[in-house]
Protein backbone atom coordinates (compact mmCIF):
# COMPACT_ATOMS: atom_id res chain seq x y z
CA MET A 1 -9.31 5.23 7.43
CA TYR A 2 -6.68 5.58 4.73
CA GLU A 3 -7.11 6.94 1.21
CA MET A 4 -5.70 5.00 -1.74
CA TRP A 5 -4.09 6.64 -4.75
CA ALA A 6 -3.69 4.87 -8.11
CA GLU A 7 -1.23 5.75 -10.81
CA SER A 8 0.15 4.09 -13.91
CA ASP A 9 2.84 1.56 -13.15
CA PRO A 10 5.77 2.15 -15.51
CA ALA A 11 7.29 -1.20 -14.48
CA GLU A 12 4.48 -3.09 -16.25
CA GLU A 13 3.98 -3.46 -20.00
CA PRO A 14 1.23 -2.79 -20.92
CA SER A 15 0.90 -0.32 -18.11
CA GLY A 16 -1.06 -1.50 -15.09
CA LEU A 17 -1.90 0.36 -11.91
CA VAL A 18 0.03 0.66 -8.69
CA TRP A 19 -1.85 1.73 -5.56
CA HIS A 20 -0.25 3.86 -2.85
CA VAL A 21 -1.60 4.81 0.57
CA VAL A 22 -1.88 8.58 1.10
CA SER A 23 -0.18 9.90 4.21
CA LYS A 24 -2.58 11.30 6.82
CA ASP A 25 -0.06 14.02 7.73
CA ASP A 26 0.74 15.19 4.20
CA ALA A 27 -1.66 14.45 1.33
CA SER A 28 1.06 15.16 -1.22
CA THR A 29 3.05 12.07 -0.27
CA ALA A 30 2.43 8.35 0.05
CA LEU A 31 3.37 6.42 3.18
CA CYS A 32 6.36 5.05 1.26
CA GLY A 33 7.65 8.63 0.82
CA GLN A 34 6.83 8.97 -2.88
CA LEU A 35 5.49 12.35 -3.97
CA LEU A 36 1.97 12.07 -5.34
CA GLU A 37 1.59 14.21 -8.44
CA LEU A 38 -1.92 14.98 -9.62
CA SER A 39 -0.81 14.65 -13.27
CA ARG A 40 0.09 10.97 -12.67
CA ARG A 41 -3.08 10.03 -10.79
CA VAL A 42 -5.43 7.54 -12.43
CA VAL A 43 -9.08 7.24 -11.42
CA PRO A 44 -10.07 3.77 -12.58
CA ASN A 45 -13.70 3.33 -13.54
CA GLY A 46 -13.48 -0.40 -14.13
CA LEU A 47 -14.65 -0.20 -17.74
CA ASP A 48 -11.77 0.95 -19.91
CA GLY A 49 -8.78 0.29 -17.65
CA PRO A 50 -6.05 -2.20 -18.43
CA THR A 51 -7.46 -5.72 -18.19
CA ALA A 52 -4.43 -7.85 -19.04
CA VAL A 53 -2.32 -6.58 -16.13
CA PRO A 54 -3.59 -6.86 -12.55
CA ASP A 55 -3.37 -3.93 -10.17
CA ARG A 56 -0.57 -4.09 -7.65
CA TYR A 57 -0.14 -2.41 -4.29
CA CYS A 58 2.91 -0.58 -2.99
CA ASP A 59 4.50 -2.96 -0.47
CA PRO A 60 6.22 -0.24 1.63
CA CYS A 61 2.90 1.63 1.96
CA LEU A 62 1.07 -1.50 3.10
CA VAL A 63 3.81 -2.43 5.59
CA THR A 64 3.42 1.00 7.20
CA VAL A 65 -0.37 0.57 7.44
CA ARG A 66 0.05 -2.90 8.95
CA GLU A 67 2.53 -1.61 11.55
CA SER A 68 0.23 1.32 12.45
CA MET A 69 -2.75 -0.99 12.92
CA ALA A 70 -0.72 -3.44 15.02
CA ALA A 71 0.51 -0.61 17.26
CA ALA A 72 -3.04 0.72 17.71
CA ALA A 73 -4.28 -2.74 18.70
CA ARG A 74 -1.83 -3.00 21.61
């Protein structure tokens, strides 16, 4: 099981959320290698989050999860 980490996405105006996958080996980094800083973390509650911009997921993080699951299935 992987943990997801949301933070504001500076590439979107108004700011949306980008979701990273937390590394199992080091909880301070995402699978894509990005450092996860507690000050940037967003805990969405679904009520007052940005509604005009959809959440997006970090592609490099998801590729790593997909490859790990494929290797485990072999």
